[in-house]
Amino acid sequence: MTRHEFEVAMTCEGCSGAVTKVLSKLGETVKFEIDLPKRLVWIESDKDVDFLMETLKKCGKEVKYNGTK
């Protein structure tokens, strides 16, 4: 699986909770880690980057793809 890094405009626990909610819906095919202070989300998945971006955008926050890490 590839590890992707995204920058998400999260400012509080509610924001990171929204990210957790949308990513959890993807099931066990996706593993993720959230660093709220740095506003980063790492996703391990074989899914397409565009699909992951669109999924993250469902939380209502601005999302930027930083590449693979």
PDB file of N, CA and C in Angstrom:
ATOM      1  N   MET A   1       0.834  -1.190   0.000  1.00  0.00           N
ATOM      2  CA  MET A   1       0.000   0.000   0.000  1.00  0.00           C
ATOM      3  C   MET A   1       0.877   1.250   0.000  1.00  0.00           C
ATOM      4  N   THR A   2       0.385   2.269  -0.640  1.00  0.00           N
ATOM      5  CA  THR A   2       1.099   3.536  -0.724  1.00  0.00           C
ATOM      6  C   THR A   2       0.653   4.454   0.404  1.00  0.00           C
ATOM      7  N   ARG A   3       1.608   5.203   0.973  1.00  0.00           N
ATOM      8  CA  ARG A   3       1.299   6.158   2.044  1.00  0.00           C
ATOM      9  C   ARG A   3       1.276   7.561   1.448  1.00  0.00           C
ATOM     10  N   HIS A   4       0.117   8.194   1.491  1.00  0.00           N
ATOM     11  CA  HIS A   4      -0.089   9.526   0.929  1.00  0.00           C
ATOM     12  C   HIS A   4      -0.213  10.546   2.053  1.00  0.00           C
ATOM     13  N   GLU A   5       0.349  11.742   1.820  1.00  0.00           N
ATOM     14  CA  GLU A   5       0.233  12.818   2.806  1.00  0.00           C
ATOM     15  C   GLU A   5      -0.651  13.922   2.248  1.00  0.00           C
ATOM     16  N   PHE A   6      -1.627  14.335   3.068  1.00  0.00           N
ATOM     17  CA  PHE A   6      -2.541  15.417   2.712  1.00  0.00           C
ATOM     18  C   PHE A   6      -2.492  16.487   3.784  1.00  0.00           C
ATOM     19  N   GLU A   7      -2.590  17.728   3.358  1.00  0.00           N
ATOM     20  CA  GLU A   7      -2.718  18.850   4.280  1.00  0.00           C
ATOM     21  C   GLU A   7      -4.199  19.225   4.295  1.00  0.00           C
ATOM     22  N   VAL A   8      -4.805  19.192   5.487  1.00  0.00           N
ATOM     23  CA  VAL A   8      -6.234  19.465   5.617  1.00  0.00           C
ATOM     24  C   VAL A   8      -6.412  20.634   6.584  1.00  0.00           C
ATOM     25  N   ALA A   9      -7.246  21.598   6.211  1.00  0.00           N
ATOM     26  CA  ALA A   9      -7.452  22.809   7.022  1.00  0.00           C
ATOM     27  C   ALA A   9      -8.269  22.481   8.279  1.00  0.00           C
ATOM     28  N   MET A  10      -7.644  21.758   9.205  1.00  0.00           N
ATOM     29  CA  MET A  10      -8.291  21.384  10.464  1.00  0.00           C
ATOM     30  C   MET A  10      -7.846  22.352  11.558  1.00  0.00           C
ATOM     31  N   THR A  11      -8.815  22.807  12.362  1.00  0.00           N
ATOM     32  CA  THR A  11      -8.481  23.742  13.432  1.00  0.00           C
ATOM     33  C   THR A  11      -8.850  23.230  14.817  1.00  0.00           C
ATOM     34  N   CYS A  12      -9.614  22.124  14.872  1.00  0.00           N
ATOM     35  CA  CYS A  12     -10.075  21.639  16.179  1.00  0.00           C
ATOM     36  C   CYS A  12     -10.353  20.141  16.135  1.00  0.00           C
ATOM     37  N   GLU A  13     -10.711  19.588  17.289  1.00  0.00           N
ATOM     38  CA  GLU A  13     -11.045  18.170  17.382  1.00  0.00           C
ATOM     39  C   GLU A  13     -12.256  17.822  16.513  1.00  0.00           C
ATOM     40  N   GLY A  14     -13.179  18.763  16.380  1.00  0.00           N
ATOM     41  CA  GLY A  14     -14.346  18.529  15.531  1.00  0.00           C
ATOM     42  C   GLY A  14     -13.941  18.316  14.078  1.00  0.00           C
ATOM     43  N   CYS A  15     -12.953  19.079  13.643  1.00  0.00           N
ATOM     44  CA  CYS A  15     -12.444  18.948  12.271  1.00  0.00           C
ATOM     45  C   CYS A  15     -11.808  17.581  12.058  1.00  0.00           C
ATOM     46  N   SER A  16     -10.953  17.175  12.986  1.00  0.00           N
ATOM     47  CA  SER A  16     -10.295  15.879  12.846  1.00  0.00           C
ATOM     48  C   SER A  16     -11.325  14.757  12.977  1.00  0.00           C
ATOM     49  N   GLY A  17     -12.376  14.988  13.762  1.00  0.00           N
ATOM     50  CA  GLY A  17     -13.449  14.009  13.873  1.00  0.00           C
ATOM     51  C   GLY A  17     -14.185  13.841  12.557  1.00  0.00           C
ATOM     52  N   ALA A  18     -14.382  14.939  11.844  1.00  0.00           N
ATOM     53  CA  ALA A  18     -15.042  14.883  10.535  1.00  0.00           C
ATOM     54  C   ALA A  18     -14.189  14.106   9.538  1.00  0.00           C
ATOM     55  N   VAL A  19     -12.870  14.296   9.583  1.00  0.00           N
ATOM     56  CA  VAL A  19     -11.956  13.559   8.715  1.00  0.00           C
ATOM     57  C   VAL A  19     -12.015  12.072   9.055  1.00  0.00           C
ATOM     58  N   THR A  20     -11.984  11.756  10.340  1.00  0.00           N
ATOM     59  CA  THR A  20     -12.068  10.367  10.783  1.00  0.00           C
ATOM     60  C   THR A  20     -13.358   9.722  10.286  1.00  0.00           C
ATOM     61  N   LYS A  21     -14.448  10.454  10.364  1.00  0.00           N
ATOM     62  CA  LYS A  21     -15.755   9.928   9.959  1.00  0.00           C
ATOM     63  C   LYS A  21     -15.778   9.561   8.474  1.00  0.00           C
ATOM     64  N   VAL A  22     -15.304  10.465   7.612  1.00  0.00           N
ATOM     65  CA  VAL A  22     -15.365  10.184   6.171  1.00  0.00           C
ATOM     66  C   VAL A  22     -14.386   9.079   5.771  1.00  0.00           C
ATOM     67  N   LEU A  23     -13.212   9.036   6.409  1.00  0.00           N
ATOM     68  CA  LEU A  23     -12.233   8.001   6.057  1.00  0.00           C
ATOM     69  C   LEU A  23     -12.633   6.636   6.606  1.00  0.00           C
ATOM     70  N   SER A  24     -13.295   6.606   7.741  1.00  0.00           N
ATOM     71  CA  SER A  24     -13.739   5.340   8.328  1.00  0.00           C
ATOM     72  C   SER A  24     -14.765   4.635   7.450  1.00  0.00           C
ATOM     73  N   LYS A  25     -15.497   5.401   6.667  1.00  0.00           N
ATOM     74  CA  LYS A  25     -16.504   4.823   5.776  1.00  0.00           C
ATOM     75  C   LYS A  25     -15.873   4.002   4.657  1.00  0.00           C
ATOM     76  N   LEU A  26     -14.581   4.179   4.422  1.00  0.00           N
ATOM     77  CA  LEU A  26     -13.895   3.442   3.360  1.00  0.00           C
ATOM     78  C   LEU A  26     -13.552   2.012   3.783  1.00  0.00           C
ATOM     79  N   GLY A  27     -13.689   1.718   5.066  1.00  0.00           N
ATOM     80  CA  GLY A  27     -13.471   0.358   5.549  1.00  0.00           C
ATOM     81  C   GLY A  27     -12.014   0.033   5.807  1.00  0.00           C
ATOM     82  N   GLU A  28     -11.735  -1.255   5.844  1.00  0.00           N
ATOM     83  CA  GLU A  28     -10.401  -1.737   6.214  1.00  0.00           C
ATOM     84  C   GLU A  28      -9.376  -1.616   5.100  1.00  0.00           C
ATOM     85  N   THR A  29      -9.793  -1.201   3.907  1.00  0.00           N
ATOM     86  CA  THR A  29      -8.854  -1.063   2.797  1.00  0.00           C
ATOM     87  C   THR A  29      -8.002   0.192   2.935  1.00  0.00           C
ATOM     88  N   VAL A  30      -8.353   1.031   3.928  1.00  0.00           N
ATOM     89  CA  VAL A  30      -7.648   2.293   4.132  1.00  0.00           C
ATOM     90  C   VAL A  30      -7.228   2.408   5.592  1.00  0.00           C
ATOM     91  N   LYS A  31      -5.944   2.728   5.807  1.00  0.00           N
ATOM     92  CA  LYS A  31      -5.454   3.023   7.156  1.00  0.00           C
ATOM     93  C   LYS A  31      -5.043   4.478   7.148  1.00  0.00           C
ATOM     94  N   PHE A  32      -5.309   5.184   8.251  1.00  0.00           N
ATOM     95  CA  PHE A  32      -4.973   6.611   8.262  1.00  0.00           C
ATOM     96  C   PHE A  32      -4.508   7.064   9.636  1.00  0.00           C
ATOM     97  N   GLU A  33      -3.788   8.184   9.618  1.00  0.00           N
ATOM     98  CA  GLU A  33      -3.266   8.801  10.834  1.00  0.00           C
ATOM     99  C   GLU A  33      -3.474  10.308  10.687  1.00  0.00           C
ATOM    100  N   ILE A  34      -3.884  10.953  11.773  1.00  0.00           N
ATOM    101  CA  ILE A  34      -4.147  12.393  11.741  1.00  0.00           C
ATOM    102  C   ILE A  34      -3.235  13.108  12.735  1.00  0.00           C
ATOM    103  N   ASP A  35      -2.576  14.181  12.277  1.00  0.00           N
ATOM    104  CA  ASP A  35      -1.771  15.042  13.151  1.00  0.00           C
ATOM    105  C   ASP A  35      -2.435  16.415  13.131  1.00  0.00           C
ATOM    106  N   LEU A  36      -3.311  16.636  14.107  1.00  0.00           N
ATOM    107  CA  LEU A  36      -4.086  17.883  14.148  1.00  0.00           C
ATOM    108  C   LEU A  36      -3.210  19.136  14.263  1.00  0.00           C
ATOM    109  N   PRO A  37      -2.210  19.177  15.180  1.00  0.00           N
ATOM    110  CA  PRO A  37      -1.386  20.396  15.280  1.00  0.00           C
ATOM    111  C   PRO A  37      -0.681  20.769  13.964  1.00  0.00           C
ATOM    112  N   LYS A  38      -0.254  19.760  13.200  1.00  0.00           N
ATOM    113  CA  LYS A  38       0.429  20.033  11.922  1.00  0.00           C
ATOM    114  C   LYS A  38      -0.543  20.067  10.747  1.00  0.00           C
ATOM    115  N   ARG A  39      -1.820  19.764  11.031  1.00  0.00           N
ATOM    116  CA  ARG A  39      -2.866  19.743  10.005  1.00  0.00           C
ATOM    117  C   ARG A  39      -2.557  18.766   8.883  1.00  0.00           C
ATOM    118  N   LEU A  40      -2.019  17.603   9.239  1.00  0.00           N
ATOM    119  CA  LEU A  40      -1.658  16.593   8.251  1.00  0.00           C
ATOM    120  C   LEU A  40      -2.462  15.324   8.447  1.00  0.00           C
ATOM    121  N   VAL A  41      -2.747  14.664   7.330  1.00  0.00           N
ATOM    122  CA  VAL A  41      -3.411  13.367   7.343  1.00  0.00           C
ATOM    123  C   VAL A  41      -2.603  12.447   6.440  1.00  0.00           C
ATOM    124  N   TRP A  42      -2.231  11.287   6.975  1.00  0.00           N
ATOM    125  CA  TRP A  42      -1.532  10.280   6.181  1.00  0.00           C
ATOM    126  C   TRP A  42      -2.497   9.140   5.942  1.00  0.00           C
ATOM    127  N   ILE A  43      -2.603   8.720   4.689  1.00  0.00           N
ATOM    128  CA  ILE A  43      -3.503   7.631   4.327  1.00  0.00           C
ATOM    129  C   ILE A  43      -2.701   6.547   3.618  1.00  0.00           C
ATOM    130  N   GLU A  44      -2.800   5.319   4.124  1.00  0.00           N
ATOM    131  CA  GLU A  44      -2.196   4.168   3.464  1.00  0.00           C
ATOM    132  C   GLU A  44      -3.295   3.454   2.707  1.00  0.00           C
ATOM    133  N   SER A  45      -3.156   3.416   1.381  1.00  0.00           N
ATOM    134  CA  SER A  45      -4.191   2.823   0.558  1.00  0.00           C
ATOM    135  C   SER A  45      -3.675   2.562  -0.848  1.00  0.00           C
ATOM    136  N   ASP A  46      -4.313   1.609  -1.514  1.00  0.00           N
ATOM    137  CA  ASP A  46      -4.029   1.361  -2.928  1.00  0.00           C
ATOM    138  C   ASP A  46      -5.019   2.111  -3.812  1.00  0.00           C
ATOM    139  N   LYS A  47      -5.912   2.857  -3.178  1.00  0.00           N
ATOM    140  CA  LYS A  47      -6.908   3.611  -3.939  1.00  0.00           C
ATOM    141  C   LYS A  47      -6.255   4.811  -4.642  1.00  0.00           C
ATOM    142  N   ASP A  48      -6.907   5.283  -5.695  1.00  0.00           N
ATOM    143  CA  ASP A  48      -6.438   6.415  -6.495  1.00  0.00           C
ATOM    144  C   ASP A  48      -6.391   7.696  -5.653  1.00  0.00           C
ATOM    145  N   VAL A  49      -5.371   8.521  -5.882  1.00  0.00           N
ATOM    146  CA  VAL A  49      -5.201   9.774  -5.140  1.00  0.00           C
ATOM    147  C   VAL A  49      -6.411  10.689  -5.308  1.00  0.00           C
ATOM    148  N   ASP A  50      -6.954  10.766  -6.516  1.00  0.00           N
ATOM    149  CA  ASP A  50      -8.121  11.622  -6.756  1.00  0.00           C
ATOM    150  C   ASP A  50      -9.315  11.155  -5.927  1.00  0.00           C
ATOM    151  N   PHE A  51      -9.477   9.843  -5.804  1.00  0.00           N
ATOM    152  CA  PHE A  51     -10.563   9.291  -4.990  1.00  0.00           C
ATOM    153  C   PHE A  51     -10.372   9.682  -3.523  1.00  0.00           C
ATOM    154  N   LEU A  52      -9.142   9.582  -3.032  1.00  0.00           N
ATOM    155  CA  LEU A  52      -8.846   9.945  -1.643  1.00  0.00           C
ATOM    156  C   LEU A  52      -9.075  11.434  -1.408  1.00  0.00           C
ATOM    157  N   MET A  53      -8.682  12.275  -2.381  1.00  0.00           N
ATOM    158  CA  MET A  53      -8.895  13.729  -2.274  1.00  0.00           C
ATOM    159  C   MET A  53     -10.381  14.038  -2.177  1.00  0.00           C
ATOM    160  N   GLU A  54     -11.176  13.438  -3.062  1.00  0.00           N
ATOM    161  CA  GLU A  54     -12.617  13.696  -3.069  1.00  0.00           C
ATOM    162  C   GLU A  54     -13.254  13.222  -1.771  1.00  0.00           C
ATOM    163  N   THR A  55     -12.779  12.106  -1.241  1.00  0.00           N
ATOM    164  CA  THR A  55     -13.298  11.597   0.030  1.00  0.00           C
ATOM    165  C   THR A  55     -12.982  12.581   1.154  1.00  0.00           C
ATOM    166  N   LEU A  56     -11.746  13.073   1.208  1.00  0.00           N
ATOM    167  CA  LEU A  56     -11.367  14.033   2.244  1.00  0.00           C
ATOM    168  C   LEU A  56     -12.154  15.333   2.128  1.00  0.00           C
ATOM    169  N   LYS A  57     -12.434  15.768   0.924  1.00  0.00           N
ATOM    170  CA  LYS A  57     -13.171  17.019   0.722  1.00  0.00           C
ATOM    171  C   LYS A  57     -14.602  16.934   1.259  1.00  0.00           C
ATOM    172  N   LYS A  58     -15.114  15.723   1.435  1.00  0.00           N
ATOM    173  CA  LYS A  58     -16.466  15.544   1.975  1.00  0.00           C
ATOM    174  C   LYS A  58     -16.573  16.023   3.419  1.00  0.00           C
ATOM    175  N   CYS A  59     -15.424  16.205   4.095  1.00  0.00           N
ATOM    176  CA  CYS A  59     -15.475  16.709   5.475  1.00  0.00           C
ATOM    177  C   CYS A  59     -15.659  18.225   5.489  1.00  0.00           C
ATOM    178  N   GLY A  60     -15.658  18.864   4.308  1.00  0.00           N
ATOM    179  CA  GLY A  60     -15.928  20.293   4.221  1.00  0.00           C
ATOM    180  C   GLY A  60     -14.717  21.186   4.425  1.00  0.00           C
ATOM    181  N   LYS A  61     -13.535  20.611   4.411  1.00  0.00           N
ATOM    182  CA  LYS A  61     -12.306  21.381   4.629  1.00  0.00           C
ATOM    183  C   LYS A  61     -11.478  21.452   3.347  1.00  0.00           C
ATOM    184  N   GLU A  62     -10.632  22.470   3.281  1.00  0.00           N
ATOM    185  CA  GLU A  62      -9.709  22.594   2.147  1.00  0.00           C
ATOM    186  C   GLU A  62      -8.657  21.495   2.255  1.00  0.00           C
ATOM    187  N   VAL A  63      -8.356  20.849   1.141  1.00  0.00           N
ATOM    188  CA  VAL A  63      -7.428  19.714   1.124  1.00  0.00           C
ATOM    189  C   VAL A  63      -6.348  19.957   0.082  1.00  0.00           C
ATOM    190  N   LYS A  64      -5.092  19.661   0.458  1.00  0.00           N
ATOM    191  CA  LYS A  64      -3.963  19.777  -0.470  1.00  0.00           C
ATOM    192  C   LYS A  64      -3.173  18.472  -0.413  1.00  0.00           C
ATOM    193  N   TYR A  65      -2.813  17.948  -1.571  1.00  0.00           N
ATOM    194  CA  TYR A  65      -2.035  16.711  -1.630  1.00  0.00           C
ATOM    195  C   TYR A  65      -0.553  17.048  -1.615  1.00  0.00           C
ATOM    196  N   ASN A  66       0.188  16.458  -0.646  1.00  0.00           N
ATOM    197  CA  ASN A  66       1.621  16.728  -0.532  1.00  0.00           C
ATOM    198  C   ASN A  66       2.489  15.664  -1.175  1.00  0.00           C
ATOM    199  N   GLY A  67       1.906  14.562  -1.603  1.00  0.00           N
ATOM    200  CA  GLY A  67       2.677  13.500  -2.240  1.00  0.00           C
ATOM    201  C   GLY A  67       2.771  12.255  -1.372  1.00  0.00           C
ATOM    202  N   THR A  68       3.590  11.314  -1.840  1.00  0.00           N
ATOM    203  CA  THR A  68       3.767  10.079  -1.070  1.00  0.00           C
ATOM    204  C   THR A  68       4.871  10.272  -0.054  1.00  0.00           C
ATOM    205  N   LYS A  69       4.738   9.617   1.083  1.00  0.00           N
ATOM    206  CA  LYS A  69       5.716   9.754   2.169  1.00  0.00           C
ATOM    207  C   LYS A  69       6.160   8.390   2.635  1.00  0.00           C
TER     208      LYS A  69
END
